[in-house]
Amino acid sequence: MSSSKPRVIDVPDLPPPNGHYAYGIEHGGVIYASGQLGRGPSMTDAEAGDISRQTRFCLEKIEKVLRAANSDLSRLLKVNITIVNMDDWPAVNAVYSEMLGAHRPARAVIAAKDLHFGALIEIEAIAAA
């Protein structure tokens, strides 16, 4: 068993978390990024209703967490994506593919009835440090 303590990843490019969680934790060479919603206070109503924009917003926030831990999207190991409408999957996958390029981490896609704050998508990830 590792004797090192988990390290909370400070992400200065994001506002403080709005609940009892950290944006990311690093332990044993692995980064665990908390789920990021596709909504933000700076989004216009049009952006908030656009699954492609919400997907990009989620992945940009995950990228900020990884960069704060000296990692990046190319080091993703596993990604969990939750969406409220499976009909949105082609648009989500298009943005995901564009942002990750040739890198193909393990992935799960889950449908949910609702997400917090009316978000259309939430993405959480595990990456190598």
Protein backbone atom coordinates (compact mmCIF):
# COMPACT_ATOMS: atom_id res chain seq x y z
CA MET A 1 0.00 0.00 0.00
CA SER A 2 1.28 3.46 -0.90
CA SER A 3 2.19 5.68 2.02
CA SER A 4 1.88 8.88 0.03
CA LYS A 5 -1.15 11.06 0.62
CA PRO A 6 -3.48 12.07 -2.20
CA ARG A 7 -2.75 15.58 -3.50
CA VAL A 8 -5.57 18.01 -4.20
CA ILE A 9 -5.05 19.68 -7.56
CA ASP A 10 -5.44 23.44 -7.33
CA VAL A 11 -6.89 24.83 -10.57
CA PRO A 12 -6.40 28.61 -10.58
CA ASP A 13 -8.15 28.93 -13.98
CA LEU A 14 -11.46 27.74 -12.50
CA PRO A 15 -13.61 29.30 -9.77
CA PRO A 16 -13.63 27.47 -6.42
CA PRO A 17 -15.78 24.30 -6.52
CA ASN A 18 -19.42 24.90 -5.67
CA GLY A 19 -19.63 21.92 -3.33
CA HIS A 20 -17.64 19.58 -1.09
CA TYR A 21 -15.23 18.23 -3.70
CA ALA A 22 -11.93 18.96 -5.42
CA TYR A 23 -11.61 19.50 -9.17
CA GLY A 24 -8.96 16.83 -9.15
CA ILE A 25 -6.93 14.51 -6.97
CA GLU A 26 -3.56 13.00 -7.84
CA HIS A 27 -2.42 9.80 -6.18
CA GLY A 28 0.06 7.14 -7.20
CA GLY A 29 0.74 8.75 -10.57
CA VAL A 30 -2.96 8.89 -11.47
CA ILE A 31 -5.16 11.98 -11.74
CA TYR A 32 -8.87 11.72 -10.95
CA ALA A 33 -10.81 14.65 -12.42
CA SER A 34 -14.25 15.31 -10.94
CA GLY A 35 -17.26 15.43 -13.22
CA GLN A 36 -17.53 18.72 -15.08
CA LEU A 37 -20.93 19.98 -16.14
CA GLY A 38 -21.57 21.54 -19.52
CA ARG A 39 -23.06 24.67 -17.98
CA GLY A 40 -21.37 27.77 -16.68
CA PRO A 41 -22.52 31.19 -15.46
CA SER A 42 -20.79 32.92 -18.37
CA MET A 43 -22.73 30.95 -21.01
CA THR A 44 -25.43 32.56 -23.09
CA ASP A 45 -28.80 30.81 -23.34
CA ALA A 46 -27.91 29.71 -26.87
CA GLU A 47 -24.61 28.17 -25.70
CA ALA A 48 -26.34 26.51 -22.76
CA GLY A 49 -28.75 24.76 -25.14
CA ASP A 50 -26.02 23.60 -27.55
CA ILE A 51 -24.71 20.10 -26.81
CA SER A 52 -21.59 20.68 -28.91
CA ARG A 53 -20.71 23.83 -26.95
CA GLN A 54 -21.43 22.09 -23.64
CA THR A 55 -19.22 19.14 -24.62
CA ARG A 56 -16.34 21.45 -25.53
CA PHE A 57 -16.86 23.38 -22.26
CA CYS A 58 -16.63 20.14 -20.22
CA LEU A 59 -13.49 18.97 -21.99
CA GLU A 60 -11.87 22.40 -21.67
CA LYS A 61 -12.46 22.27 -17.90
CA ILE A 62 -11.05 18.71 -17.71
CA GLU A 63 -8.04 19.95 -19.68
CA LYS A 64 -7.50 22.78 -17.16
CA VAL A 65 -7.55 20.26 -14.30
CA LEU A 66 -5.03 18.04 -16.09
CA ARG A 67 -2.74 20.94 -16.98
CA ALA A 68 -2.78 22.10 -13.35
CA ALA A 69 -1.44 18.63 -12.52
CA ASN A 70 1.18 18.80 -15.31
CA SER A 71 -0.74 16.42 -17.56
CA ASP A 72 -3.00 16.84 -20.60
CA LEU A 73 -5.77 15.24 -22.65
CA SER A 74 -3.30 12.93 -24.40
CA ARG A 75 -2.72 11.19 -21.05
CA LEU A 76 -6.38 10.35 -20.44
CA LEU A 77 -6.88 6.73 -19.42
CA LYS A 78 -10.67 6.54 -18.86
CA VAL A 79 -13.52 8.95 -19.56
CA ASN A 80 -17.11 8.70 -18.33
CA ILE A 81 -19.67 10.78 -20.20
CA THR A 82 -23.21 11.28 -18.95
CA ILE A 83 -25.77 12.83 -21.31
CA VAL A 84 -29.47 13.48 -20.92
CA ASN A 85 -30.40 12.66 -24.52
CA MET A 86 -28.80 9.77 -26.44
CA ASP A 87 -29.86 11.51 -29.67
CA ASP A 88 -27.07 14.02 -28.85
CA TRP A 89 -24.40 11.30 -29.00
CA PRO A 90 -23.21 12.01 -32.59
CA ALA A 91 -22.58 15.68 -31.76
CA VAL A 92 -20.85 14.79 -28.48
CA ASN A 93 -18.65 12.21 -30.18
CA ALA A 94 -17.71 14.68 -32.94
CA VAL A 95 -16.42 17.29 -30.46
CA TYR A 96 -14.76 14.59 -28.34
CA SER A 97 -12.98 13.16 -31.41
CA GLU A 98 -11.88 16.62 -32.55
CA MET A 99 -10.42 17.53 -29.15
CA LEU A 100 -8.72 14.18 -28.47
CA GLY A 101 -7.47 13.56 -32.01
CA ALA A 102 -5.90 10.13 -32.46
CA HIS A 103 -5.87 9.44 -28.69
CA ARG A 104 -8.56 6.93 -27.71
CA PRO A 105 -8.87 6.39 -23.95
CA ALA A 106 -11.29 3.83 -22.52
CA ARG A 107 -14.75 5.39 -22.33
CA ALA A 108 -18.28 4.87 -21.04
CA VAL A 109 -21.41 6.74 -22.10
CA ILE A 110 -24.35 6.84 -19.72
CA ALA A 111 -27.81 8.28 -20.22
CA ALA A 112 -29.42 10.12 -17.30
CA LYS A 113 -32.82 11.69 -16.89
CA ASP A 114 -31.47 14.96 -15.46
CA LEU A 115 -28.19 16.65 -14.62
CA HIS A 116 -27.60 19.46 -12.12
CA PHE A 117 -28.34 23.05 -13.25
CA GLY A 118 -30.06 21.78 -16.40
CA ALA A 119 -26.77 20.70 -18.00
CA LEU A 120 -27.00 18.43 -21.03
CA ILE A 121 -23.69 16.66 -20.33
CA GLU A 122 -21.20 15.85 -17.56
CA ILE A 123 -17.72 14.43 -18.14
CA GLU A 124 -15.36 12.91 -15.57
CA ALA A 125 -11.93 11.48 -16.30
CA ILE A 126 -8.93 9.53 -15.07
CA ALA A 127 -5.49 10.36 -16.49
CA ALA A 128 -1.84 9.51 -16.03
CA ALA A 129 0.16 12.17 -14.21
